[in-house]
PDB file of N, CA and C in Angstrom:
ATOM      1  N   MET A   1     -16.584  10.330  -4.125  1.00  0.00           N
ATOM      2  CA  MET A   1     -16.062   9.379  -3.259  1.00  0.00           C
ATOM      3  C   MET A   1     -14.599   9.127  -3.510  1.00  0.00           C
ATOM      4  N   LYS A   2     -13.942   8.939  -2.499  1.00  0.00           N
ATOM      5  CA  LYS A   2     -12.363   8.441  -2.519  1.00  0.00           C
ATOM      6  C   LYS A   2     -12.178   7.032  -2.493  1.00  0.00           C
ATOM      7  N   LEU A   3     -11.368   6.497  -3.338  1.00  0.00           N
ATOM      8  CA  LEU A   3     -11.015   5.104  -3.413  1.00  0.00           C
ATOM      9  C   LEU A   3      -9.335   5.046  -3.500  1.00  0.00           C
ATOM     10  N   LEU A   4      -8.952   3.917  -3.031  1.00  0.00           N
ATOM     11  CA  LEU A   4      -7.471   3.829  -3.125  1.00  0.00           C
ATOM     12  C   LEU A   4      -7.159   2.238  -3.708  1.00  0.00           C
ATOM     13  N   LEU A   5      -6.458   2.232  -4.860  1.00  0.00           N
ATOM     14  CA  LEU A   5      -6.077   1.035  -5.522  1.00  0.00           C
ATOM     15  C   LEU A   5      -4.591   0.563  -4.932  1.00  0.00           C
ATOM     16  N   ASP A   6      -4.809  -0.701  -4.400  1.00  0.00           N
ATOM     17  CA  ASP A   6      -3.637  -1.291  -3.747  1.00  0.00           C
ATOM     18  C   ASP A   6      -2.529  -1.363  -4.724  1.00  0.00           C
ATOM     19  N   GLU A   7      -1.307  -1.511  -4.325  1.00  0.00           N
ATOM     20  CA  GLU A   7      -0.262  -1.544  -5.137  1.00  0.00           C
ATOM     21  C   GLU A   7      -0.230  -2.862  -5.998  1.00  0.00           C
ATOM     22  N   ASN A   8      -1.238  -3.802  -5.541  1.00  0.00           N
ATOM     23  CA  ASN A   8      -1.005  -4.966  -6.433  1.00  0.00           C
ATOM     24  C   ASN A   8      -2.133  -5.087  -7.623  1.00  0.00           C
ATOM     25  N   VAL A   9      -2.756  -3.880  -7.803  1.00  0.00           N
ATOM     26  CA  VAL A   9      -3.588  -3.373  -8.863  1.00  0.00           C
ATOM     27  C   VAL A   9      -3.144  -2.764  -9.927  1.00  0.00           C
ATOM     28  N   PRO A  10      -3.061  -3.029 -11.155  1.00  0.00           N
ATOM     29  CA  PRO A  10      -2.555  -2.178 -12.232  1.00  0.00           C
ATOM     30  C   PRO A  10      -3.022  -0.779 -12.028  1.00  0.00           C
ATOM     31  N   ARG A  11      -1.899   0.218 -12.023  1.00  0.00           N
ATOM     32  CA  ARG A  11      -2.223   1.706 -11.838  1.00  0.00           C
ATOM     33  C   ARG A  11      -3.303   2.210 -12.790  1.00  0.00           C
ATOM     34  N   LYS A  12      -3.131   1.755 -13.975  1.00  0.00           N
ATOM     35  CA  LYS A  12      -4.050   2.502 -15.063  1.00  0.00           C
ATOM     36  C   LYS A  12      -5.456   2.169 -15.001  1.00  0.00           C
ATOM     37  N   LEU A  13      -5.782   1.073 -14.157  1.00  0.00           N
ATOM     38  CA  LEU A  13      -7.111   0.757 -13.946  1.00  0.00           C
ATOM     39  C   LEU A  13      -7.881   2.023 -13.226  1.00  0.00           C
ATOM     40  N   LYS A  14      -7.211   2.956 -12.701  1.00  0.00           N
ATOM     41  CA  LYS A  14      -7.955   4.125 -11.854  1.00  0.00           C
ATOM     42  C   LYS A  14      -8.575   4.843 -13.311  1.00  0.00           C
ATOM     43  N   TYR A  15      -8.103   4.933 -14.154  1.00  0.00           N
ATOM     44  CA  TYR A  15      -8.741   5.762 -15.455  1.00  0.00           C
ATOM     45  C   TYR A  15     -10.022   4.998 -16.001  1.00  0.00           C
ATOM     46  N   ARG A  16     -10.396   3.937 -15.506  1.00  0.00           N
ATOM     47  CA  ARG A  16     -11.509   3.228 -16.003  1.00  0.00           C
ATOM     48  C   ARG A  16     -12.842   3.636 -15.030  1.00  0.00           C
ATOM     49  N   PHE A  17     -12.548   4.252 -13.978  1.00  0.00           N
ATOM     50  CA  PHE A  17     -13.524   4.469 -12.907  1.00  0.00           C
ATOM     51  C   PHE A  17     -14.281   5.862 -13.522  1.00  0.00           C
ATOM     52  N   SER A  18     -15.566   5.902 -13.226  1.00  0.00           N
ATOM     53  CA  SER A  18     -16.066   7.142 -13.611  1.00  0.00           C
ATOM     54  C   SER A  18     -15.881   8.402 -12.897  1.00  0.00           C
ATOM     55  N   PRO A  19     -15.938   9.749 -13.479  1.00  0.00           N
ATOM     56  CA  PRO A  19     -15.446  10.819 -12.712  1.00  0.00           C
ATOM     57  C   PRO A  19     -16.101  11.166 -11.420  1.00  0.00           C
ATOM     58  N   ASP A  20     -17.181  10.267 -10.918  1.00  0.00           N
ATOM     59  CA  ASP A  20     -17.816  10.430  -9.863  1.00  0.00           C
ATOM     60  C   ASP A  20     -16.933   9.972  -8.674  1.00  0.00           C
ATOM     61  N   PHE A  21     -15.860   9.389  -8.984  1.00  0.00           N
ATOM     62  CA  PHE A  21     -14.805   8.622  -8.096  1.00  0.00           C
ATOM     63  C   PHE A  21     -13.435   9.284  -8.070  1.00  0.00           C
ATOM     64  N   GLU A  22     -12.995   9.635  -6.888  1.00  0.00           N
ATOM     65  CA  GLU A  22     -11.424  10.074  -6.873  1.00  0.00           C
ATOM     66  C   GLU A  22     -10.623   8.935  -6.723  1.00  0.00           C
ATOM     67  N   VAL A  23      -9.987   8.608  -7.510  1.00  0.00           N
ATOM     68  CA  VAL A  23      -9.205   7.202  -7.305  1.00  0.00           C
ATOM     69  C   VAL A  23      -7.649   7.465  -7.342  1.00  0.00           C
ATOM     70  N   ASN A  24      -7.110   7.129  -6.298  1.00  0.00           N
ATOM     71  CA  ASN A  24      -5.622   7.116  -5.961  1.00  0.00           C
ATOM     72  C   ASN A  24      -5.051   5.833  -5.923  1.00  0.00           C
ATOM     73  N   THR A  25      -3.718   5.885  -6.173  1.00  0.00           N
ATOM     74  CA  THR A  25      -3.118   4.363  -5.993  1.00  0.00           C
ATOM     75  C   THR A  25      -1.942   4.530  -5.047  1.00  0.00           C
ATOM     76  N   VAL A  26      -1.751   3.260  -4.268  1.00  0.00           N
ATOM     77  CA  VAL A  26      -0.704   3.382  -3.170  1.00  0.00           C
ATOM     78  C   VAL A  26       0.509   3.951  -3.699  1.00  0.00           C
ATOM     79  N   PRO A  27       1.157   3.825  -4.843  1.00  0.00           N
ATOM     80  CA  PRO A  27       2.288   4.457  -5.118  1.00  0.00           C
ATOM     81  C   PRO A  27       2.203   5.779  -5.272  1.00  0.00           C
ATOM     82  N   GLU A  28       0.947   6.165  -5.875  1.00  0.00           N
ATOM     83  CA  GLU A  28       0.906   7.648  -5.875  1.00  0.00           C
ATOM     84  C   GLU A  28       0.933   8.467  -4.497  1.00  0.00           C
ATOM     85  N   MET A  29       0.502   7.746  -3.518  1.00  0.00           N
ATOM     86  CA  MET A  29       0.357   8.309  -2.261  1.00  0.00           C
ATOM     87  C   MET A  29       1.636   8.167  -1.546  1.00  0.00           C
ATOM     88  N   GLY A  30       2.734   7.374  -2.289  1.00  0.00           N
ATOM     89  CA  GLY A  30       4.043   7.253  -1.603  1.00  0.00           C
ATOM     90  C   GLY A  30       3.844   6.118  -0.699  1.00  0.00           C
ATOM     91  N   TRP A  31       3.026   5.009  -0.539  1.00  0.00           N
ATOM     92  CA  TRP A  31       2.854   4.121   0.396  1.00  0.00           C
ATOM     93  C   TRP A  31       3.421   2.815  -0.127  1.00  0.00           C
ATOM     94  N   THR A  32       4.130   2.594  -1.261  1.00  0.00           N
ATOM     95  CA  THR A  32       4.460   1.303  -1.764  1.00  0.00           C
ATOM     96  C   THR A  32       5.182   0.549  -0.444  1.00  0.00           C
ATOM     97  N   GLY A  33       4.988  -0.662  -0.402  1.00  0.00           N
ATOM     98  CA  GLY A  33       5.729  -1.477   0.641  1.00  0.00           C
ATOM     99  C   GLY A  33       5.094  -1.373   2.110  1.00  0.00           C
ATOM    100  N   VAL A  34       4.227  -0.415   2.376  1.00  0.00           N
ATOM    101  CA  VAL A  34       3.609  -0.371   3.566  1.00  0.00           C
ATOM    102  C   VAL A  34       2.906  -1.483   4.039  1.00  0.00           C
ATOM    103  N   LYS A  35       2.913  -1.931   5.211  1.00  0.00           N
ATOM    104  CA  LYS A  35       2.211  -3.132   5.619  1.00  0.00           C
ATOM    105  C   LYS A  35       0.631  -2.874   5.781  1.00  0.00           C
ATOM    106  N   ASN A  36      -0.254  -3.719   5.863  1.00  0.00           N
ATOM    107  CA  ASN A  36      -1.561  -3.529   5.907  1.00  0.00           C
ATOM    108  C   ASN A  36      -2.177  -2.761   6.975  1.00  0.00           C
ATOM    109  N   GLY A  37      -1.612  -3.131   8.168  1.00  0.00           N
ATOM    110  CA  GLY A  37      -2.194  -2.277   9.369  1.00  0.00           C
ATOM    111  C   GLY A  37      -2.029  -0.661   9.088  1.00  0.00           C
ATOM    112  N   GLU A  38      -0.612  -0.559   8.800  1.00  0.00           N
ATOM    113  CA  GLU A  38      -0.087   0.890   8.734  1.00  0.00           C
ATOM    114  C   GLU A  38      -0.862   1.375   7.597  1.00  0.00           C
ATOM    115  N   LEU A  39      -1.184   0.647   6.452  1.00  0.00           N
ATOM    116  CA  LEU A  39      -1.819   1.169   5.264  1.00  0.00           C
ATOM    117  C   LEU A  39      -3.153   1.687   5.731  1.00  0.00           C
ATOM    118  N   LEU A  40      -3.997   0.986   6.541  1.00  0.00           N
ATOM    119  CA  LEU A  40      -5.184   1.171   6.977  1.00  0.00           C
ATOM    120  C   LEU A  40      -4.982   2.710   7.839  1.00  0.00           C
ATOM    121  N   ASN A  41      -4.176   2.733   8.710  1.00  0.00           N
ATOM    122  CA  ASN A  41      -4.142   3.853   9.567  1.00  0.00           C
ATOM    123  C   ASN A  41      -3.738   5.131   8.622  1.00  0.00           C
ATOM    124  N   ARG A  42      -3.013   4.915   7.532  1.00  0.00           N
ATOM    125  CA  ARG A  42      -2.681   6.093   6.667  1.00  0.00           C
ATOM    126  C   ARG A  42      -3.991   6.483   5.809  1.00  0.00           C
ATOM    127  N   MET A  43      -4.695   5.442   5.420  1.00  0.00           N
ATOM    128  CA  MET A  43      -5.906   5.647   4.819  1.00  0.00           C
ATOM    129  C   MET A  43      -7.035   6.450   5.740  1.00  0.00           C
ATOM    130  N   ARG A  44      -6.899   5.985   6.949  1.00  0.00           N
ATOM    131  CA  ARG A  44      -7.941   6.857   7.973  1.00  0.00           C
ATOM    132  C   ARG A  44      -7.643   8.280   8.095  1.00  0.00           C
ATOM    133  N   LYS A  45      -6.320   8.615   8.078  1.00  0.00           N
ATOM    134  CA  LYS A  45      -5.807   9.960   8.337  1.00  0.00           C
ATOM    135  C   LYS A  45      -6.088  10.599   7.032  1.00  0.00           C
ATOM    136  N   ASN A  46      -6.266  10.004   5.936  1.00  0.00           N
ATOM    137  CA  ASN A  46      -6.298  10.680   4.860  1.00  0.00           C
ATOM    138  C   ASN A  46      -7.714  10.712   4.213  1.00  0.00           C
ATOM    139  N   ASP A  47      -8.612  10.258   5.100  1.00  0.00           N
ATOM    140  CA  ASP A  47     -10.144  10.095   4.690  1.00  0.00           C
ATOM    141  C   ASP A  47     -10.473   9.096   3.441  1.00  0.00           C
ATOM    142  N   LEU A  48      -9.643   8.138   3.343  1.00  0.00           N
ATOM    143  CA  LEU A  48      -9.832   7.116   2.441  1.00  0.00           C
ATOM    144  C   LEU A  48     -10.568   5.946   2.970  1.00  0.00           C
ATOM    145  N   LYS A  49     -11.750   5.701   2.649  1.00  0.00           N
ATOM    146  CA  LYS A  49     -12.689   4.675   3.218  1.00  0.00           C
ATOM    147  C   LYS A  49     -12.571   3.346   2.551  1.00  0.00           C
ATOM    148  N   ILE A  50     -12.166   3.316   1.349  1.00  0.00           N
ATOM    149  CA  ILE A  50     -12.444   1.978   0.452  1.00  0.00           C
ATOM    150  C   ILE A  50     -11.048   1.712  -0.306  1.00  0.00           C
ATOM    151  N   LEU A  51     -10.571   0.511  -0.077  1.00  0.00           N
ATOM    152  CA  LEU A  51      -9.370  -0.044  -0.602  1.00  0.00           C
ATOM    153  C   LEU A  51      -9.709  -1.231  -1.545  1.00  0.00           C
ATOM    154  N   ILE A  52      -9.110  -1.061  -2.584  1.00  0.00           N
ATOM    155  CA  ILE A  52      -9.443  -2.027  -3.786  1.00  0.00           C
ATOM    156  C   ILE A  52      -8.307  -2.788  -4.060  1.00  0.00           C
ATOM    157  N   SER A  53      -8.273  -4.320  -3.908  1.00  0.00           N
ATOM    158  CA  SER A  53      -7.130  -5.071  -3.683  1.00  0.00           C
ATOM    159  C   SER A  53      -7.299  -6.474  -4.387  1.00  0.00           C
ATOM    160  N   LEU A  54      -6.202  -6.963  -4.738  1.00  0.00           N
ATOM    161  CA  LEU A  54      -6.188  -8.376  -5.121  1.00  0.00           C
ATOM    162  C   LEU A  54      -5.712  -9.272  -3.908  1.00  0.00           C
ATOM    163  N   ASP A  55      -5.601  -8.798  -2.926  1.00  0.00           N
ATOM    164  CA  ASP A  55      -5.183  -9.461  -1.509  1.00  0.00           C
ATOM    165  C   ASP A  55      -6.272 -10.151  -0.907  1.00  0.00           C
ATOM    166  N   LYS A  56      -6.632 -11.391  -1.138  1.00  0.00           N
ATOM    167  CA  LYS A  56      -7.615 -12.017  -0.708  1.00  0.00           C
ATOM    168  C   LYS A  56      -7.613 -12.250   0.911  1.00  0.00           C
ATOM    169  N   ASN A  57      -6.255 -12.120   1.219  1.00  0.00           N
ATOM    170  CA  ASN A  57      -5.913 -12.584   2.725  1.00  0.00           C
ATOM    171  C   ASN A  57      -6.084 -11.291   3.667  1.00  0.00           C
ATOM    172  N   MET A  58      -6.149 -10.057   3.046  1.00  0.00           N
ATOM    173  CA  MET A  58      -6.181  -8.882   3.953  1.00  0.00           C
ATOM    174  C   MET A  58      -7.242  -8.739   4.633  1.00  0.00           C
ATOM    175  N   GLY A  59      -8.585  -9.176   4.337  1.00  0.00           N
ATOM    176  CA  GLY A  59      -9.734  -9.138   5.150  1.00  0.00           C
ATOM    177  C   GLY A  59      -9.698  -9.969   6.341  1.00  0.00           C
ATOM    178  N   GLY A  60      -9.045 -11.024   6.314  1.00  0.00           N
ATOM    179  CA  GLY A  60      -8.962 -11.929   7.325  1.00  0.00           C
ATOM    180  C   GLY A  60      -7.850 -11.647   8.405  1.00  0.00           C
ATOM    181  N   GLN A  61      -6.894 -10.747   7.791  1.00  0.00           N
ATOM    182  CA  GLN A  61      -5.833 -10.267   8.923  1.00  0.00           C
ATOM    183  C   GLN A  61      -6.194  -8.916   9.447  1.00  0.00           C
ATOM    184  N   GLN A  62      -7.145  -8.222   8.997  1.00  0.00           N
ATOM    185  CA  GLN A  62      -7.286  -6.852   9.517  1.00  0.00           C
ATOM    186  C   GLN A  62      -8.767  -6.774  10.183  1.00  0.00           C
ATOM    187  N   HIS A  63      -9.002  -6.079  11.096  1.00  0.00           N
ATOM    188  CA  HIS A  63     -10.356  -5.718  11.420  1.00  0.00           C
ATOM    189  C   HIS A  63     -10.968  -4.496  10.775  1.00  0.00           C
ATOM    190  N   LEU A  64     -11.420  -4.637   9.602  1.00  0.00           N
ATOM    191  CA  LEU A  64     -11.903  -3.617   8.783  1.00  0.00           C
ATOM    192  C   LEU A  64     -12.949  -2.666   9.361  1.00  0.00           C
ATOM    193  N   GLU A  65     -13.867  -3.419  10.033  1.00  0.00           N
ATOM    194  CA  GLU A  65     -15.065  -2.858  10.593  1.00  0.00           C
ATOM    195  C   GLU A  65     -14.367  -1.787  11.817  1.00  0.00           C
ATOM    196  N   SER A  66     -13.579  -2.008  12.577  1.00  0.00           N
ATOM    197  CA  SER A  66     -12.983  -1.137  13.525  1.00  0.00           C
ATOM    198  C   SER A  66     -12.492   0.088  12.979  1.00  0.00           C
ATOM    199  N   PHE A  67     -11.935  -0.070  11.682  1.00  0.00           N
ATOM    200  CA  PHE A  67     -11.358   0.921  11.121  1.00  0.00           C
ATOM    201  C   PHE A  67     -12.521   1.841  10.167  1.00  0.00           C
ATOM    202  N   GLN A  68     -13.687   1.367  10.189  1.00  0.00           N
ATOM    203  CA  GLN A  68     -14.864   1.940   9.390  1.00  0.00           C
ATOM    204  C   GLN A  68     -14.434   1.858   7.871  1.00  0.00           C
ATOM    205  N   MET A  69     -13.857   0.920   7.281  1.00  0.00           N
ATOM    206  CA  MET A  69     -13.382   0.865   6.104  1.00  0.00           C
ATOM    207  C   MET A  69     -13.758  -0.360   5.393  1.00  0.00           C
ATOM    208  N   SER A  70     -13.934  -0.183   4.166  1.00  0.00           N
ATOM    209  CA  SER A  70     -14.312  -1.371   3.085  1.00  0.00           C
ATOM    210  C   SER A  70     -12.990  -1.856   2.297  1.00  0.00           C
ATOM    211  N   LEU A  71     -13.055  -3.198   2.164  1.00  0.00           N
ATOM    212  CA  LEU A  71     -12.120  -3.873   1.146  1.00  0.00           C
ATOM    213  C   LEU A  71     -12.875  -4.318  -0.034  1.00  0.00           C
ATOM    214  N   ILE A  72     -12.499  -4.005  -1.078  1.00  0.00           N
ATOM    215  CA  ILE A  72     -13.062  -4.742  -2.193  1.00  0.00           C
ATOM    216  C   ILE A  72     -12.058  -5.335  -2.978  1.00  0.00           C
ATOM    217  N   VAL A  73     -12.231  -6.878  -2.811  1.00  0.00           N
ATOM    218  CA  VAL A  73     -11.319  -7.792  -3.408  1.00  0.00           C
ATOM    219  C   VAL A  73     -11.682  -8.202  -4.756  1.00  0.00           C
ATOM    220  N   PHE A  74     -10.750  -8.146  -5.712  1.00  0.00           N
ATOM    221  CA  PHE A  74     -11.006  -8.697  -7.029  1.00  0.00           C
ATOM    222  C   PHE A  74     -10.691 -10.153  -7.091  1.00  0.00           C
ATOM    223  N   ASN A  75     -11.614 -10.903  -7.328  1.00  0.00           N
ATOM    224  CA  ASN A  75     -11.554 -12.531  -7.296  1.00  0.00           C
ATOM    225  C   ASN A  75     -11.143 -13.043  -8.843  1.00  0.00           C
ATOM    226  N   VAL A  76      -9.931 -12.916  -9.204  1.00  0.00           N
ATOM    227  CA  VAL A  76      -9.844 -13.200 -10.628  1.00  0.00           C
ATOM    228  C   VAL A  76      -8.441 -14.108 -10.647  1.00  0.00           C
ATOM    229  N   LYS A  77      -8.473 -14.907 -11.656  1.00  0.00           N
ATOM    230  CA  LYS A  77      -7.339 -15.748 -11.955  1.00  0.00           C
ATOM    231  C   LYS A  77      -6.006 -15.269 -12.245  1.00  0.00           C
ATOM    232  N   ASN A  78      -6.039 -14.045 -12.861  1.00  0.00           N
ATOM    233  CA  ASN A  78      -4.834 -13.220 -13.069  1.00  0.00           C
ATOM    234  C   ASN A  78      -4.919 -11.795 -12.851  1.00  0.00           C
ATOM    235  N   ALA A  79      -4.175 -10.945 -12.715  1.00  0.00           N
ATOM    236  CA  ALA A  79      -4.104  -9.518 -12.286  1.00  0.00           C
ATOM    237  C   ALA A  79      -3.876  -8.634 -13.380  1.00  0.00           C
ATOM    238  N   ARG A  80      -4.143  -9.297 -14.537  1.00  0.00           N
ATOM    239  CA  ARG A  80      -3.784  -8.341 -15.666  1.00  0.00           C
ATOM    240  C   ARG A  80      -5.037  -7.137 -15.915  1.00  0.00           C
ATOM    241  N   TYR A  81      -4.508  -6.006 -16.311  1.00  0.00           N
ATOM    242  CA  TYR A  81      -5.450  -4.963 -16.591  1.00  0.00           C
ATOM    243  C   TYR A  81      -6.547  -5.524 -17.350  1.00  0.00           C
ATOM    244  N   THR A  82      -6.550  -6.198 -18.395  1.00  0.00           N
ATOM    245  CA  THR A  82      -7.618  -6.493 -19.176  1.00  0.00           C
ATOM    246  C   THR A  82      -8.626  -7.586 -18.527  1.00  0.00           C
ATOM    247  N   SER A  83      -8.164  -8.243 -17.703  1.00  0.00           N
ATOM    248  CA  SER A  83      -9.055  -9.104 -16.704  1.00  0.00           C
ATOM    249  C   SER A  83      -9.902  -8.242 -15.644  1.00  0.00           C
ATOM    250  N   LEU A  84      -9.270  -7.041 -15.307  1.00  0.00           N
ATOM    251  CA  LEU A  84      -9.923  -6.158 -14.203  1.00  0.00           C
ATOM    252  C   LEU A  84     -10.965  -5.282 -14.855  1.00  0.00           C
ATOM    253  N   VAL A  85     -10.647  -4.743 -16.153  1.00  0.00           N
ATOM    254  CA  VAL A  85     -11.441  -3.684 -16.596  1.00  0.00           C
ATOM    255  C   VAL A  85     -12.972  -3.967 -16.473  1.00  0.00           C
ATOM    256  N   PRO A  86     -13.492  -5.153 -16.933  1.00  0.00           N
ATOM    257  CA  PRO A  86     -14.866  -5.605 -16.829  1.00  0.00           C
ATOM    258  C   PRO A  86     -15.431  -5.509 -15.466  1.00  0.00           C
ATOM    259  N   LEU A  87     -14.635  -5.600 -14.433  1.00  0.00           N
ATOM    260  CA  LEU A  87     -15.065  -5.671 -12.990  1.00  0.00           C
ATOM    261  C   LEU A  87     -15.239  -4.288 -12.556  1.00  0.00           C
ATOM    262  N   VAL A  88     -14.763  -3.291 -13.203  1.00  0.00           N
ATOM    263  CA  VAL A  88     -14.940  -1.823 -12.474  1.00  0.00           C
ATOM    264  C   VAL A  88     -16.359  -1.511 -12.295  1.00  0.00           C
ATOM    265  N   GLU A  89     -17.245  -1.806 -13.395  1.00  0.00           N
ATOM    266  CA  GLU A  89     -18.669  -1.437 -13.316  1.00  0.00           C
ATOM    267  C   GLU A  89     -19.247  -2.102 -11.991  1.00  0.00           C
ATOM    268  N   LYS A  90     -18.777  -3.265 -11.701  1.00  0.00           N
ATOM    269  CA  LYS A  90     -19.400  -4.015 -10.605  1.00  0.00           C
ATOM    270  C   LYS A  90     -18.979  -3.228  -9.157  1.00  0.00           C
ATOM    271  N   VAL A  91     -17.573  -2.897  -9.245  1.00  0.00           N
ATOM    272  CA  VAL A  91     -17.134  -2.126  -8.063  1.00  0.00           C
ATOM    273  C   VAL A  91     -18.055  -0.878  -7.744  1.00  0.00           C
ATOM    274  N   GLU A  92     -18.213  -0.053  -9.046  1.00  0.00           N
ATOM    275  CA  GLU A  92     -18.827   1.206  -8.714  1.00  0.00           C
ATOM    276  C   GLU A  92     -20.418   0.858  -8.304  1.00  0.00           C
ATOM    277  N   ARG A  93     -21.008  -0.218  -8.766  1.00  0.00           N
ATOM    278  CA  ARG A  93     -22.247  -0.575  -8.171  1.00  0.00           C
ATOM    279  C   ARG A  93     -22.273  -0.734  -6.855  1.00  0.00           C
ATOM    280  N   ILE A  94     -21.383  -1.521  -6.218  1.00  0.00           N
ATOM    281  CA  ILE A  94     -21.333  -1.812  -4.952  1.00  0.00           C
ATOM    282  C   ILE A  94     -21.142  -0.553  -4.065  1.00  0.00           C
ATOM    283  N   ILE A  95     -20.245   0.276  -4.509  1.00  0.00           N
ATOM    284  CA  ILE A  95     -19.813   1.479  -3.731  1.00  0.00           C
ATOM    285  C   ILE A  95     -21.029   2.472  -3.838  1.00  0.00           C
ATOM    286  N   ARG A  96     -21.942   2.541  -4.939  1.00  0.00           N
ATOM    287  CA  ARG A  96     -22.965   3.527  -5.075  1.00  0.00           C
ATOM    288  C   ARG A  96     -24.047   2.977  -4.199  1.00  0.00           C
ATOM    289  N   ARG A  97     -24.081   1.684  -3.767  1.00  0.00           N
ATOM    290  CA  ARG A  97     -25.165   1.186  -2.728  1.00  0.00           C
ATOM    291  C   ARG A  97     -24.755   1.304  -1.311  1.00  0.00           C
ATOM    292  N   ARG A  98     -23.954   2.330  -1.164  1.00  0.00           N
ATOM    293  CA  ARG A  98     -23.393   2.573   0.225  1.00  0.00           C
ATOM    294  C   ARG A  98     -22.721   1.342   0.911  1.00  0.00           C
ATOM    295  N   VAL A  99     -21.655   1.188   0.329  1.00  0.00           N
ATOM    296  CA  VAL A  99     -20.993  -0.195   0.841  1.00  0.00           C
ATOM    297  C   VAL A  99     -20.707  -0.189   2.391  1.00  0.00           C
ATOM    298  N   ALA A 100     -20.959  -1.184   2.918  1.00  0.00           N
ATOM    299  CA  ALA A 100     -20.837  -1.378   4.459  1.00  0.00           C
ATOM    300  C   ALA A 100     -19.298  -1.804   4.757  1.00  0.00           C
ATOM    301  N   PRO A 101     -18.681  -1.285   5.938  1.00  0.00           N
ATOM    302  CA  PRO A 101     -17.366  -1.712   6.311  1.00  0.00           C
ATOM    303  C   PRO A 101     -17.249  -3.110   6.306  1.00  0.00           C
ATOM    304  N   GLY A 102     -16.089  -3.804   5.793  1.00  0.00           N
ATOM    305  CA  GLY A 102     -15.793  -4.954   5.790  1.00  0.00           C
ATOM    306  C   GLY A 102     -15.404  -5.416   4.355  1.00  0.00           C
ATOM    307  N   VAL A 103     -15.384  -6.772   4.086  1.00  0.00           N
ATOM    308  CA  VAL A 103     -14.623  -7.343   2.845  1.00  0.00           C
ATOM    309  C   VAL A 103     -16.029  -7.653   1.894  1.00  0.00           C
ATOM    310  N   HIS A 104     -15.626  -7.193   0.568  1.00  0.00           N
ATOM    311  CA  HIS A 104     -16.619  -7.482  -0.518  1.00  0.00           C
ATOM    312  C   HIS A 104     -15.860  -8.008  -1.752  1.00  0.00           C
ATOM    313  N   VAL A 105     -16.224  -9.190  -2.171  1.00  0.00           N
ATOM    314  CA  VAL A 105     -15.587  -9.682  -3.276  1.00  0.00           C
ATOM    315  C   VAL A 105     -16.270  -9.549  -4.460  1.00  0.00           C
ATOM    316  N   VAL A 106     -15.549  -9.356  -5.438  1.00  0.00           N
ATOM    317  CA  VAL A 106     -15.978  -8.980  -6.976  1.00  0.00           C
ATOM    318  C   VAL A 106     -15.417 -10.069  -8.001  1.00  0.00           C
ATOM    319  N   ASP A 107     -16.292 -10.842  -8.643  1.00  0.00           N
ATOM    320  CA  ASP A 107     -15.781 -11.486  -9.542  1.00  0.00           C
ATOM    321  C   ASP A 107     -16.689 -11.523 -10.785  1.00  0.00           C
TER     322      ASP A 107
END
């Protein structure tokens, strides 16, 4: 399963996911600074269905269901790597349950 880590998520978090997941980052894809709507268009063209982000407002701004994509949002007090590592397992569980299009909050 292909995942995309938003540019606001520490890049090295990708290495905490199990090998079952192909994890890319926005900077790796060359999409740094791309606005949310265009980001979703690029994701669709690259067969990326799940975006993992810290942007709690993105779900309300975009119609993810129409893109057939899922947004998984980390609900944390800070964006430090050490705060996010414990949540990777929860994210993996959500995805393995065939995550539906839309917004899913992980805390």
